[in-house]
Amino acid sequence: MSRFVVLDVPEYTHEEFVNISVSRLGKEKINMYTAAYIAKKVWHEIGSKDIRDVIKIVRLVTNQEDVPRIISIMQRYSMVNDNTLSSNWYRLVLINFGPSTRF
């Protein structure tokens, strides 16, 4: 362990999470309003503070109306004690919905 440094990084606040999500999803060519909408849904409905969950959802949906449906599916099948969505989720939804097109 001597070659590793352990850092205690504080969790994001809600505002930081949304701002980082908007910035990151800009790289995915998602407008800031849609990015903020998805980030807020992930924070409040999934209870996740992991930006990767926001990215997973945006890569699965074709329009903003798909977001609640994808989140509902993820909530239904997610691990109860796990606040982040596993990579198995991503595979499950991709199999069911196929690759998405950008909105």
C-alpha atoms as a PDB file:
ATOM      1  CA  MET A   1       0.000   0.000   0.000  1.00  0.00           C
ATOM      2  CA  SER A   2       2.954   2.365   0.278  1.00  0.00           C
ATOM      3  CA  ARG A   3       2.670   3.263  -3.428  1.00  0.00           C
ATOM      4  CA  PHE A   4      -0.935   4.394  -3.055  1.00  0.00           C
ATOM      5  CA  VAL A   5      -2.368   7.534  -1.548  1.00  0.00           C
ATOM      6  CA  VAL A   6      -5.764   7.370   0.098  1.00  0.00           C
ATOM      7  CA  LEU A   7      -7.754  10.561  -0.349  1.00  0.00           C
ATOM      8  CA  ASP A   8     -10.950  11.418   1.465  1.00  0.00           C
ATOM      9  CA  VAL A   9     -12.915  13.356  -1.143  1.00  0.00           C
ATOM     10  CA  PRO A  10     -16.180  14.877   0.101  1.00  0.00           C
ATOM     11  CA  GLU A  11     -19.382  13.926  -1.704  1.00  0.00           C
ATOM     12  CA  TYR A  12     -20.860  16.319  -4.227  1.00  0.00           C
ATOM     13  CA  THR A  13     -23.611  18.681  -3.185  1.00  0.00           C
ATOM     14  CA  HIS A  14     -26.757  18.567  -5.308  1.00  0.00           C
ATOM     15  CA  GLU A  15     -25.734  21.767  -7.107  1.00  0.00           C
ATOM     16  CA  GLU A  16     -22.223  20.460  -7.813  1.00  0.00           C
ATOM     17  CA  PHE A  17     -23.639  17.176  -9.095  1.00  0.00           C
ATOM     18  CA  VAL A  18     -25.982  18.936 -11.520  1.00  0.00           C
ATOM     19  CA  ASN A  19     -23.263  21.343 -12.713  1.00  0.00           C
ATOM     20  CA  ILE A  20     -20.752  18.542 -13.291  1.00  0.00           C
ATOM     21  CA  SER A  21     -23.402  16.454 -15.056  1.00  0.00           C
ATOM     22  CA  VAL A  22     -24.317  19.347 -17.356  1.00  0.00           C
ATOM     23  CA  SER A  23     -20.656  19.932 -18.161  1.00  0.00           C
ATOM     24  CA  ARG A  24     -19.933  16.243 -18.790  1.00  0.00           C
ATOM     25  CA  LEU A  25     -23.069  15.647 -20.862  1.00  0.00           C
ATOM     26  CA  GLY A  26     -22.133  18.617 -23.033  1.00  0.00           C
ATOM     27  CA  LYS A  27     -19.404  16.320 -24.366  1.00  0.00           C
ATOM     28  CA  GLU A  28     -22.187  13.893 -25.328  1.00  0.00           C
ATOM     29  CA  LYS A  29     -23.908  16.728 -27.259  1.00  0.00           C
ATOM     30  CA  ILE A  30     -26.795  16.913 -24.756  1.00  0.00           C
ATOM     31  CA  ASN A  31     -28.294  20.341 -24.119  1.00  0.00           C
ATOM     32  CA  MET A  32     -27.981  21.776 -20.623  1.00  0.00           C
ATOM     33  CA  TYR A  33     -31.701  21.581 -19.799  1.00  0.00           C
ATOM     34  CA  THR A  34     -31.945  17.893 -20.614  1.00  0.00           C
ATOM     35  CA  ALA A  35     -28.666  17.204 -18.790  1.00  0.00           C
ATOM     36  CA  ALA A  36     -29.915  18.990 -15.671  1.00  0.00           C
ATOM     37  CA  TYR A  37     -33.231  17.105 -15.868  1.00  0.00           C
ATOM     38  CA  ILE A  38     -31.465  13.732 -16.019  1.00  0.00           C
ATOM     39  CA  ALA A  39     -29.032  14.679 -13.230  1.00  0.00           C
ATOM     40  CA  LYS A  40     -31.884  15.704 -10.937  1.00  0.00           C
ATOM     41  CA  LYS A  41     -33.771  12.487 -11.670  1.00  0.00           C
ATOM     42  CA  VAL A  42     -30.671  10.391 -10.891  1.00  0.00           C
ATOM     43  CA  TRP A  43     -30.014  12.307  -7.648  1.00  0.00           C
ATOM     44  CA  HIS A  44     -33.605  12.263  -6.355  1.00  0.00           C
ATOM     45  CA  GLU A  45     -35.160   9.105  -7.770  1.00  0.00           C
ATOM     46  CA  ILE A  46     -32.226   6.692  -7.876  1.00  0.00           C
ATOM     47  CA  GLY A  47     -30.437   8.271  -4.930  1.00  0.00           C
ATOM     48  CA  SER A  48     -27.121   8.135  -6.752  1.00  0.00           C
ATOM     49  CA  LYS A  49     -24.360  10.713  -6.590  1.00  0.00           C
ATOM     50  CA  ASP A  50     -22.366   8.970  -9.310  1.00  0.00           C
ATOM     51  CA  ILE A  51     -21.934  10.893 -12.557  1.00  0.00           C
ATOM     52  CA  ARG A  52     -21.489   7.569 -14.370  1.00  0.00           C
ATOM     53  CA  ASP A  53     -25.153   6.798 -13.717  1.00  0.00           C
ATOM     54  CA  VAL A  54     -26.141  10.013 -15.502  1.00  0.00           C
ATOM     55  CA  ILE A  55     -23.942   9.064 -18.455  1.00  0.00           C
ATOM     56  CA  LYS A  56     -25.435   5.549 -18.585  1.00  0.00           C
ATOM     57  CA  ILE A  57     -28.947   6.931 -18.783  1.00  0.00           C
ATOM     58  CA  VAL A  58     -28.177   9.510 -21.463  1.00  0.00           C
ATOM     59  CA  ARG A  59     -26.603   6.829 -23.624  1.00  0.00           C
ATOM     60  CA  LEU A  60     -29.748   4.692 -23.377  1.00  0.00           C
ATOM     61  CA  VAL A  61     -32.499   7.203 -24.093  1.00  0.00           C
ATOM     62  CA  THR A  62     -33.566   8.645 -27.426  1.00  0.00           C
ATOM     63  CA  ASN A  63     -35.564  11.562 -26.022  1.00  0.00           C
ATOM     64  CA  GLN A  64     -36.360  13.182 -22.689  1.00  0.00           C
ATOM     65  CA  GLU A  65     -39.626  11.268 -22.384  1.00  0.00           C
ATOM     66  CA  ASP A  66     -37.649   7.990 -22.163  1.00  0.00           C
ATOM     67  CA  VAL A  67     -35.814   9.090 -19.008  1.00  0.00           C
ATOM     68  CA  PRO A  68     -38.527   8.208 -16.439  1.00  0.00           C
ATOM     69  CA  ARG A  69     -39.066   4.802 -18.066  1.00  0.00           C
ATOM     70  CA  ILE A  70     -35.357   3.926 -17.981  1.00  0.00           C
ATOM     71  CA  ILE A  71     -35.047   5.148 -14.385  1.00  0.00           C
ATOM     72  CA  SER A  72     -38.096   3.104 -13.400  1.00  0.00           C
ATOM     73  CA  ILE A  73     -36.580  -0.027 -14.902  1.00  0.00           C
ATOM     74  CA  MET A  74     -33.273   0.646 -13.193  1.00  0.00           C
ATOM     75  CA  GLN A  75     -34.988   1.161  -9.841  1.00  0.00           C
ATOM     76  CA  ARG A  76     -37.004  -2.019 -10.236  1.00  0.00           C
ATOM     77  CA  TYR A  77     -34.006  -4.235 -10.884  1.00  0.00           C
ATOM     78  CA  SER A  78     -31.210  -2.505  -8.970  1.00  0.00           C
ATOM     79  CA  MET A  79     -29.567  -3.916  -5.871  1.00  0.00           C
ATOM     80  CA  VAL A  80     -31.362  -2.585  -2.786  1.00  0.00           C
ATOM     81  CA  ASN A  81     -28.176  -1.757  -0.853  1.00  0.00           C
ATOM     82  CA  ASP A  82     -26.278  -0.356  -3.827  1.00  0.00           C
ATOM     83  CA  ASN A  83     -26.660   3.355  -4.596  1.00  0.00           C
ATOM     84  CA  THR A  84     -24.965   3.089  -7.969  1.00  0.00           C
ATOM     85  CA  LEU A  85     -26.130   1.106 -10.927  1.00  0.00           C
ATOM     86  CA  SER A  86     -23.986  -1.855 -11.850  1.00  0.00           C
ATOM     87  CA  SER A  87     -22.599  -2.454 -15.308  1.00  0.00           C
ATOM     88  CA  ASN A  88     -25.060  -5.372 -15.568  1.00  0.00           C
ATOM     89  CA  TRP A  89     -27.836  -2.778 -15.629  1.00  0.00           C
ATOM     90  CA  TYR A  90     -26.325  -1.131 -18.615  1.00  0.00           C
ATOM     91  CA  ARG A  91     -26.155  -4.445 -20.457  1.00  0.00           C
ATOM     92  CA  LEU A  92     -29.731  -5.377 -19.514  1.00  0.00           C
ATOM     93  CA  VAL A  93     -31.183  -2.121 -20.772  1.00  0.00           C
ATOM     94  CA  LEU A  94     -29.083  -2.176 -23.945  1.00  0.00           C
ATOM     95  CA  ILE A  95     -30.375  -5.637 -24.738  1.00  0.00           C
ATOM     96  CA  ASN A  96     -33.970  -4.564 -24.181  1.00  0.00           C
ATOM     97  CA  PHE A  97     -33.873  -1.174 -25.892  1.00  0.00           C
ATOM     98  CA  GLY A  98     -30.937  -1.342 -28.301  1.00  0.00           C
ATOM     99  CA  PRO A  99     -28.500   1.491 -28.960  1.00  0.00           C
ATOM    100  CA  SER A 100     -29.910   4.964 -28.748  1.00  0.00           C
ATOM    101  CA  THR A 101     -29.801   7.909 -31.066  1.00  0.00           C
ATOM    102  CA  ARG A 102     -29.081  11.351 -29.702  1.00  0.00           C
ATOM    103  CA  PHE A 103     -31.939  13.728 -29.023  1.00  0.00           C
END
